[in-house]
Amino acid sequence: MAIAGFAPAGTLANEPSPVCAIFSEKQAANVLGMRPVAVSVAEAGEEAAPYCMWASPNRRHSVKVQVWSMPDLQLIGMMDAQSYFDKLQTDYKKGGKVYPIEGAEGPGFFVEVRRPAKGTNTGSVVILRGERLLIADFVTVPVERVVDLARSAASKI
């Protein structure tokens, strides 16, 4: 399913959104490891690109998937999806190790920060697919699950 356009940014996981429509409720539950709950825009934050977000009831676990297209990229001063991909990759490399993603529909990478003392991990998965860029940010979710989810989504944007 290719998506021609997206709804405005700030769409909640329980509202009809083309970004949320990419995923089934089962996929959201699988990536979190539990049934997700709705996240308010106030909690999720405003984004320039359309997104979908899921979280655990206590908000300890969360995933936010953004899909950037040309109009969204222009809002933040980016020429195209490749430029933003390159910028993110450069920025993340400055902060630590960036790992390539194999088997995605386009070039991709992920970065993960583990905090064993707190029992948490955070990170981002970034996949470029033509003129769209998918970014999946996560907190206290196994990176492998987020990479699998992002690969699946990238094939649909």
N, C-alpha and C. Protein backbone atom coordinates (compact mmCIF):
# COMPACT_ATOMS: atom_id res chain seq x y z
N MET A 1 0.85 -1.17 0.00
CA MET A 1 0.00 0.00 0.00
C MET A 1 0.89 1.23 0.00
N ALA A 2 0.90 1.98 -1.05
CA ALA A 2 1.65 3.24 -1.12
C ALA A 2 0.75 4.36 -0.64
N ILE A 3 1.30 5.28 0.09
CA ILE A 3 0.52 6.38 0.64
C ILE A 3 0.90 7.65 -0.09
N ALA A 4 -0.09 8.27 -0.72
CA ALA A 4 0.18 9.47 -1.52
C ALA A 4 0.39 10.69 -0.65
N GLY A 5 -0.33 10.81 0.44
CA GLY A 5 -0.22 11.98 1.31
C GLY A 5 -0.54 11.60 2.73
N PHE A 6 -0.26 12.49 3.65
CA PHE A 6 -0.49 12.19 5.05
C PHE A 6 -1.35 13.26 5.69
N ALA A 7 -1.99 12.86 6.78
CA ALA A 7 -2.78 13.78 7.59
C ALA A 7 -1.83 14.72 8.33
N PRO A 8 -2.36 15.78 8.91
CA PRO A 8 -1.50 16.70 9.66
C PRO A 8 -0.73 16.00 10.78
N ALA A 9 0.37 16.58 11.15
CA ALA A 9 1.17 16.04 12.24
C ALA A 9 0.37 16.06 13.54
N GLY A 10 0.81 15.25 14.48
CA GLY A 10 0.18 15.24 15.80
C GLY A 10 -0.99 14.29 15.90
N THR A 11 -1.10 13.33 15.00
CA THR A 11 -2.19 12.38 15.04
C THR A 11 -1.93 11.35 16.13
N LEU A 12 -2.94 11.04 16.87
CA LEU A 12 -2.81 10.06 17.95
C LEU A 12 -2.94 8.65 17.40
N ALA A 13 -2.41 7.70 18.14
CA ALA A 13 -2.44 6.31 17.71
C ALA A 13 -3.86 5.79 17.58
N ASN A 14 -4.81 6.34 18.31
CA ASN A 14 -6.17 5.82 18.23
C ASN A 14 -7.05 6.63 17.28
N GLU A 15 -6.50 7.58 16.57
CA GLU A 15 -7.24 8.34 15.57
C GLU A 15 -6.88 7.82 14.20
N PRO A 16 -7.81 7.97 13.23
CA PRO A 16 -7.47 7.51 11.88
C PRO A 16 -6.35 8.37 11.29
N SER A 17 -5.25 7.78 11.00
CA SER A 17 -4.11 8.48 10.43
C SER A 17 -3.46 7.57 9.41
N PRO A 18 -3.08 8.10 8.26
CA PRO A 18 -2.38 7.24 7.31
C PRO A 18 -1.10 6.65 7.89
N VAL A 19 -0.41 7.37 8.77
CA VAL A 19 0.79 6.80 9.38
C VAL A 19 0.39 5.66 10.31
N CYS A 20 -0.61 5.86 11.15
CA CYS A 20 -1.06 4.79 12.04
C CYS A 20 -1.67 3.63 11.25
N ALA A 21 -2.28 3.94 10.11
CA ALA A 21 -2.92 2.91 9.30
C ALA A 21 -1.91 1.94 8.70
N ILE A 22 -0.64 2.31 8.68
CA ILE A 22 0.40 1.41 8.17
C ILE A 22 0.52 0.19 9.07
N PHE A 23 0.18 0.34 10.34
CA PHE A 23 0.39 -0.70 11.34
C PHE A 23 -0.92 -1.28 11.83
N SER A 24 -0.88 -2.55 12.23
CA SER A 24 -2.03 -3.16 12.89
C SER A 24 -1.88 -2.95 14.40
N GLU A 25 -2.97 -3.10 15.11
CA GLU A 25 -2.91 -3.00 16.57
C GLU A 25 -2.00 -4.10 17.12
N LYS A 26 -2.01 -5.25 16.46
CA LYS A 26 -1.16 -6.36 16.89
C LYS A 26 0.32 -5.98 16.75
N GLN A 27 0.70 -5.30 15.66
CA GLN A 27 2.09 -4.88 15.50
C GLN A 27 2.49 -3.90 16.60
N ALA A 28 1.61 -2.98 16.93
CA ALA A 28 1.90 -2.02 17.99
C ALA A 28 2.10 -2.75 19.32
N ALA A 29 1.23 -3.72 19.61
CA ALA A 29 1.36 -4.49 20.86
C ALA A 29 2.65 -5.32 20.85
N ASN A 30 2.98 -5.90 19.71
CA ASN A 30 4.20 -6.72 19.62
C ASN A 30 5.46 -5.89 19.84
N VAL A 31 5.51 -4.70 19.27
CA VAL A 31 6.72 -3.89 19.42
C VAL A 31 6.90 -3.42 20.86
N LEU A 32 5.78 -3.10 21.53
CA LEU A 32 5.87 -2.66 22.93
C LEU A 32 6.00 -3.82 23.90
N GLY A 33 5.49 -4.99 23.49
CA GLY A 33 5.47 -6.13 24.38
C GLY A 33 4.25 -6.12 25.28
N MET A 34 3.28 -5.28 24.95
CA MET A 34 2.04 -5.16 25.72
C MET A 34 1.03 -4.35 24.91
N ARG A 35 -0.20 -4.31 25.39
CA ARG A 35 -1.23 -3.54 24.70
C ARG A 35 -0.94 -2.04 24.83
N PRO A 36 -0.90 -1.32 23.69
CA PRO A 36 -0.59 0.11 23.76
C PRO A 36 -1.78 0.94 24.20
N VAL A 37 -1.49 2.12 24.70
CA VAL A 37 -2.54 3.08 25.06
C VAL A 37 -2.33 4.35 24.24
N ALA A 38 -3.38 5.14 24.11
CA ALA A 38 -3.32 6.40 23.37
C ALA A 38 -2.39 7.37 24.08
N VAL A 39 -1.74 8.19 23.30
CA VAL A 39 -0.82 9.20 23.83
C VAL A 39 -1.31 10.55 23.35
N SER A 40 -1.52 11.48 24.27
CA SER A 40 -2.01 12.80 23.89
C SER A 40 -0.93 13.58 23.14
N VAL A 41 -1.36 14.55 22.36
CA VAL A 41 -0.42 15.40 21.63
C VAL A 41 0.49 16.13 22.63
N ALA A 42 -0.06 16.51 23.77
CA ALA A 42 0.75 17.20 24.79
C ALA A 42 1.90 16.31 25.26
N GLU A 43 1.63 15.01 25.40
CA GLU A 43 2.68 14.07 25.82
C GLU A 43 3.63 13.73 24.68
N ALA A 44 3.08 13.56 23.49
CA ALA A 44 3.88 13.13 22.34
C ALA A 44 4.74 14.25 21.80
N GLY A 45 4.26 15.47 21.93
CA GLY A 45 4.99 16.61 21.37
C GLY A 45 4.56 16.88 19.94
N GLU A 46 4.69 18.10 19.54
CA GLU A 46 4.35 18.48 18.17
C GLU A 46 5.48 18.08 17.24
N GLU A 47 5.15 17.68 16.06
CA GLU A 47 6.14 17.31 15.06
C GLU A 47 5.81 18.02 13.76
N ALA A 48 6.82 18.27 12.96
CA ALA A 48 6.59 18.85 11.63
C ALA A 48 6.08 17.80 10.66
N ALA A 49 6.34 16.54 10.94
CA ALA A 49 5.89 15.44 10.07
C ALA A 49 4.78 14.65 10.75
N PRO A 50 3.92 14.03 9.95
CA PRO A 50 2.88 13.16 10.52
C PRO A 50 3.53 12.00 11.28
N TYR A 51 2.88 11.59 12.36
CA TYR A 51 3.44 10.50 13.15
C TYR A 51 2.35 9.68 13.80
N CYS A 52 2.76 8.56 14.35
CA CYS A 52 1.91 7.70 15.15
C CYS A 52 2.74 7.30 16.36
N MET A 53 2.12 7.27 17.53
CA MET A 53 2.85 6.93 18.75
C MET A 53 2.06 5.96 19.59
N TRP A 54 2.79 5.00 20.18
CA TRP A 54 2.20 4.06 21.12
C TRP A 54 3.03 4.07 22.39
N ALA A 55 2.36 3.80 23.50
CA ALA A 55 3.07 3.75 24.79
C ALA A 55 2.41 2.73 25.70
N SER A 56 3.16 2.33 26.72
CA SER A 56 2.61 1.48 27.77
C SER A 56 1.78 2.36 28.70
N PRO A 57 0.89 1.77 29.49
CA PRO A 57 0.06 2.59 30.38
C PRO A 57 0.89 3.51 31.29
N ASN A 58 2.05 3.05 31.76
CA ASN A 58 2.87 3.89 32.65
C ASN A 58 3.87 4.76 31.87
N ARG A 59 3.83 4.69 30.56
CA ARG A 59 4.69 5.48 29.64
C ARG A 59 6.17 5.09 29.72
N ARG A 60 6.48 4.00 30.39
CA ARG A 60 7.88 3.55 30.47
C ARG A 60 8.38 3.05 29.11
N HIS A 61 7.49 2.49 28.31
CA HIS A 61 7.83 1.97 26.99
C HIS A 61 7.07 2.79 25.94
N SER A 62 7.76 3.21 24.89
CA SER A 62 7.07 3.96 23.84
C SER A 62 7.81 3.86 22.52
N VAL A 63 7.04 4.05 21.44
CA VAL A 63 7.58 4.11 20.09
C VAL A 63 6.81 5.19 19.35
N LYS A 64 7.55 6.08 18.68
CA LYS A 64 6.93 7.11 17.84
C LYS A 64 7.51 6.96 16.43
N VAL A 65 6.62 6.77 15.45
CA VAL A 65 7.04 6.62 14.06
C VAL A 65 6.61 7.87 13.30
N GLN A 66 7.57 8.52 12.66
CA GLN A 66 7.31 9.70 11.82
C GLN A 66 7.61 9.33 10.37
N VAL A 67 6.81 9.86 9.45
CA VAL A 67 7.09 9.69 8.03
C VAL A 67 7.19 11.07 7.41
N TRP A 68 8.39 11.41 6.97
CA TRP A 68 8.69 12.72 6.41
C TRP A 68 8.59 12.67 4.89
N SER A 69 7.87 13.63 4.31
CA SER A 69 7.80 13.79 2.86
C SER A 69 8.23 15.22 2.52
N MET A 70 8.28 15.54 1.25
CA MET A 70 8.83 16.82 0.81
C MET A 70 8.23 18.04 1.51
N PRO A 71 6.91 18.19 1.60
CA PRO A 71 6.38 19.39 2.28
C PRO A 71 6.84 19.50 3.73
N ASP A 72 6.91 18.37 4.43
CA ASP A 72 7.36 18.37 5.83
C ASP A 72 8.83 18.75 5.92
N LEU A 73 9.63 18.21 5.02
CA LEU A 73 11.07 18.48 5.01
C LEU A 73 11.35 19.95 4.74
N GLN A 74 10.56 20.55 3.88
CA GLN A 74 10.75 21.97 3.57
C GLN A 74 10.47 22.85 4.79
N LEU A 75 9.56 22.40 5.65
CA LEU A 75 9.26 23.16 6.88
C LEU A 75 10.48 23.29 7.79
N ILE A 76 11.36 22.32 7.72
CA ILE A 76 12.55 22.35 8.58
C ILE A 76 13.81 22.71 7.79
N GLY A 77 13.63 23.19 6.57
CA GLY A 77 14.75 23.68 5.78
C GLY A 77 15.59 22.61 5.09
N MET A 78 15.02 21.42 4.92
CA MET A 78 15.74 20.35 4.23
C MET A 78 15.33 20.32 2.76
N MET A 79 16.31 20.10 1.88
CA MET A 79 16.04 20.06 0.44
C MET A 79 15.26 18.82 0.04
N ASP A 80 15.59 17.69 0.66
CA ASP A 80 14.93 16.43 0.31
C ASP A 80 15.20 15.39 1.40
N ALA A 81 14.61 14.20 1.22
CA ALA A 81 14.74 13.14 2.22
C ALA A 81 16.19 12.68 2.38
N GLN A 82 16.91 12.61 1.27
CA GLN A 82 18.32 12.18 1.33
C GLN A 82 19.14 13.15 2.18
N SER A 83 18.89 14.45 2.04
CA SER A 83 19.63 15.45 2.82
C SER A 83 19.38 15.27 4.31
N TYR A 84 18.12 15.03 4.68
CA TYR A 84 17.80 14.85 6.10
C TYR A 84 18.40 13.55 6.62
N PHE A 85 18.32 12.49 5.82
CA PHE A 85 18.93 11.21 6.18
C PHE A 85 20.42 11.40 6.46
N ASP A 86 21.12 12.08 5.55
CA ASP A 86 22.56 12.31 5.70
C ASP A 86 22.86 13.14 6.95
N LYS A 87 22.05 14.17 7.20
CA LYS A 87 22.24 15.03 8.38
C LYS A 87 22.07 14.22 9.66
N LEU A 88 20.99 13.43 9.73
CA LEU A 88 20.75 12.62 10.93
C LEU A 88 21.89 11.63 11.15
N GLN A 89 22.32 10.99 10.08
CA GLN A 89 23.39 10.01 10.21
C GLN A 89 24.68 10.67 10.72
N THR A 90 25.00 11.83 10.19
CA THR A 90 26.19 12.57 10.65
C THR A 90 26.05 12.97 12.11
N ASP A 91 24.87 13.50 12.47
CA ASP A 91 24.63 13.92 13.86
C ASP A 91 24.73 12.73 14.82
N TYR A 92 24.12 11.61 14.47
CA TYR A 92 24.16 10.44 15.34
C TYR A 92 25.58 9.88 15.46
N LYS A 93 26.35 9.92 14.38
CA LYS A 93 27.73 9.42 14.44
C LYS A 93 28.58 10.24 15.40
N LYS A 94 28.28 11.52 15.52
CA LYS A 94 29.01 12.37 16.47
C LYS A 94 28.74 11.93 17.91
N GLY A 95 27.54 11.41 18.15
CA GLY A 95 27.15 11.02 19.49
C GLY A 95 27.43 9.58 19.85
N GLY A 96 27.88 8.78 18.90
CA GLY A 96 28.13 7.38 19.20
C GLY A 96 28.11 6.51 17.96
N LYS A 97 27.89 5.23 18.17
CA LYS A 97 27.93 4.25 17.09
C LYS A 97 26.60 4.19 16.35
N VAL A 98 26.70 4.14 15.04
CA VAL A 98 25.54 4.00 14.17
C VAL A 98 25.65 2.63 13.49
N TYR A 99 24.56 1.86 13.52
CA TYR A 99 24.56 0.52 12.97
C TYR A 99 23.72 0.48 11.69
N PRO A 100 24.22 -0.11 10.61
CA PRO A 100 23.42 -0.19 9.39
C PRO A 100 22.28 -1.20 9.55
N ILE A 101 21.22 -1.00 8.79
CA ILE A 101 20.09 -1.92 8.78
C ILE A 101 20.12 -2.67 7.46
N GLU A 102 20.14 -3.97 7.55
CA GLU A 102 20.12 -4.82 6.35
C GLU A 102 18.67 -5.22 6.05
N GLY A 103 18.37 -5.41 4.78
CA GLY A 103 17.07 -5.93 4.38
C GLY A 103 15.94 -4.93 4.40
N ALA A 104 16.25 -3.65 4.48
CA ALA A 104 15.19 -2.63 4.43
C ALA A 104 14.94 -2.28 2.97
N GLU A 105 13.86 -1.57 2.72
CA GLU A 105 13.50 -1.15 1.36
C GLU A 105 14.40 -0.04 0.83
N GLY A 106 15.25 0.48 1.65
CA GLY A 106 16.18 1.54 1.27
C GLY A 106 17.28 1.59 2.31
N PRO A 107 18.24 2.50 2.17
CA PRO A 107 19.30 2.59 3.16
C PRO A 107 18.74 2.94 4.54
N GLY A 108 19.35 2.39 5.56
CA GLY A 108 18.87 2.68 6.91
C GLY A 108 19.95 2.45 7.95
N PHE A 109 19.69 2.96 9.14
CA PHE A 109 20.61 2.77 10.26
C PHE A 109 19.82 2.88 11.55
N PHE A 110 20.43 2.42 12.63
CA PHE A 110 19.84 2.66 13.94
C PHE A 110 20.93 3.02 14.92
N VAL A 111 20.51 3.70 15.96
CA VAL A 111 21.40 4.08 17.05
C VAL A 111 20.65 3.74 18.33
N GLU A 112 21.37 3.22 19.31
CA GLU A 112 20.75 2.84 20.57
C GLU A 112 21.65 3.26 21.72
N VAL A 113 21.04 3.80 22.76
CA VAL A 113 21.76 4.19 23.97
C VAL A 113 21.19 3.35 25.11
N ARG A 114 22.03 2.53 25.69
CA ARG A 114 21.60 1.69 26.82
C ARG A 114 22.01 2.35 28.13
N ARG A 115 21.10 2.29 29.08
CA ARG A 115 21.37 2.80 30.44
C ARG A 115 21.06 1.67 31.42
N PRO A 116 21.98 0.70 31.55
CA PRO A 116 21.73 -0.47 32.38
C PRO A 116 21.35 -0.14 33.81
N ALA A 117 21.94 0.89 34.39
CA ALA A 117 21.63 1.24 35.78
C ALA A 117 20.16 1.61 35.93
N LYS A 118 19.60 2.21 34.90
CA LYS A 118 18.18 2.60 34.95
C LYS A 118 17.29 1.54 34.31
N GLY A 119 17.90 0.54 33.66
CA GLY A 119 17.12 -0.49 33.00
C GLY A 119 16.40 0.02 31.77
N THR A 120 16.97 1.01 31.10
CA THR A 120 16.32 1.58 29.93
C THR A 120 17.25 1.58 28.72
N ASN A 121 16.65 1.73 27.58
CA ASN A 121 17.39 1.99 26.35
C ASN A 121 16.55 2.95 25.52
N THR A 122 17.21 3.80 24.79
CA THR A 122 16.52 4.72 23.89
C THR A 122 17.26 4.70 22.57
N GLY A 123 16.58 5.15 21.54
CA GLY A 123 17.26 5.21 20.26
C GLY A 123 16.33 5.59 19.14
N SER A 124 16.87 5.49 17.94
CA SER A 124 16.13 5.82 16.73
C SER A 124 16.51 4.85 15.63
N VAL A 125 15.53 4.55 14.79
CA VAL A 125 15.73 3.77 13.57
C VAL A 125 15.36 4.70 12.43
N VAL A 126 16.21 4.81 11.42
CA VAL A 126 15.99 5.73 10.31
C VAL A 126 16.13 4.96 9.00
N ILE A 127 15.09 5.03 8.15
CA ILE A 127 15.13 4.36 6.85
C ILE A 127 14.70 5.35 5.78
N LEU A 128 15.50 5.44 4.73
CA LEU A 128 15.21 6.29 3.58
C LEU A 128 14.55 5.43 2.51
N ARG A 129 13.41 5.89 2.02
CA ARG A 129 12.72 5.16 0.93
C ARG A 129 12.29 6.18 -0.10
N GLY A 130 13.05 6.33 -1.15
CA GLY A 130 12.73 7.29 -2.19
C GLY A 130 12.75 8.70 -1.63
N GLU A 131 11.64 9.39 -1.77
CA GLU A 131 11.53 10.77 -1.28
C GLU A 131 10.88 10.85 0.09
N ARG A 132 10.83 9.75 0.81
CA ARG A 132 10.28 9.73 2.16
C ARG A 132 11.32 9.20 3.14
N LEU A 133 11.21 9.68 4.36
CA LEU A 133 12.12 9.26 5.41
C LEU A 133 11.29 8.80 6.60
N LEU A 134 11.55 7.58 7.06
CA LEU A 134 10.86 7.03 8.22
C LEU A 134 11.82 7.09 9.40
N ILE A 135 11.32 7.65 10.51
CA ILE A 135 12.10 7.72 11.75
C ILE A 135 11.26 7.10 12.85
N ALA A 136 11.80 6.09 13.52
CA ALA A 136 11.11 5.46 14.65
C ALA A 136 11.96 5.69 15.90
N ASP A 137 11.46 6.52 16.80
CA ASP A 137 12.14 6.78 18.07
C ASP A 137 11.55 5.86 19.12
N PHE A 138 12.39 5.32 20.00
CA PHE A 138 11.88 4.38 20.99
C PHE A 138 12.51 4.58 22.36
N VAL A 139 11.76 4.15 23.38
CA VAL A 139 12.22 4.19 24.76
C VAL A 139 11.86 2.87 25.41
N THR A 140 12.84 2.20 25.98
CA THR A 140 12.69 0.95 26.71
C THR A 140 11.90 -0.09 25.91
N VAL A 141 12.33 -0.28 24.67
CA VAL A 141 11.77 -1.28 23.77
C VAL A 141 12.96 -1.95 23.10
N PRO A 142 12.94 -3.28 22.95
CA PRO A 142 14.08 -3.93 22.28
C PRO A 142 14.28 -3.39 20.86
N VAL A 143 15.51 -3.00 20.56
CA VAL A 143 15.81 -2.37 19.27
C VAL A 143 15.44 -3.30 18.11
N GLU A 144 15.60 -4.60 18.28
CA GLU A 144 15.28 -5.54 17.20
C GLU A 144 13.82 -5.43 16.79
N ARG A 145 12.93 -5.26 17.77
CA ARG A 145 11.50 -5.12 17.46
C ARG A 145 11.23 -3.84 16.67
N VAL A 146 11.91 -2.77 17.05
CA VAL A 146 11.70 -1.48 16.37
C VAL A 146 12.25 -1.55 14.95
N VAL A 147 13.39 -2.19 14.77
CA VAL A 147 13.96 -2.35 13.43
C VAL A 147 13.00 -3.15 12.55
N ASP A 148 12.45 -4.24 13.07
CA ASP A 148 11.50 -5.05 12.29
C ASP A 148 10.26 -4.24 11.93
N LEU A 149 9.75 -3.47 12.88
CA LEU A 149 8.58 -2.64 12.62
C LEU A 149 8.89 -1.60 11.54
N ALA A 150 10.04 -0.96 11.64
CA ALA A 150 10.43 0.07 10.66
C ALA A 150 10.62 -0.53 9.27
N ARG A 151 11.23 -1.71 9.19
CA ARG A 151 11.38 -2.37 7.89
C ARG A 151 10.02 -2.62 7.25
N SER A 152 9.10 -3.13 8.04
CA SER A 152 7.76 -3.41 7.54
C SER A 152 7.08 -2.13 7.07
N ALA A 153 7.19 -1.08 7.85
CA ALA A 153 6.55 0.20 7.50
C ALA A 153 7.18 0.82 6.26
N ALA A 154 8.50 0.72 6.13
CA ALA A 154 9.19 1.33 4.99
C ALA A 154 8.72 0.73 3.67
N SER A 155 8.32 -0.51 3.70
CA SER A 155 7.83 -1.14 2.46
C SER A 155 6.45 -0.62 2.07
N LYS A 156 5.80 0.12 2.97
CA LYS A 156 4.42 0.59 2.72
C LYS A 156 4.32 2.10 2.49
N ILE A 157 5.42 2.81 2.60
CA ILE A 157 5.34 4.27 2.43
C ILE A 157 5.74 4.69 1.02
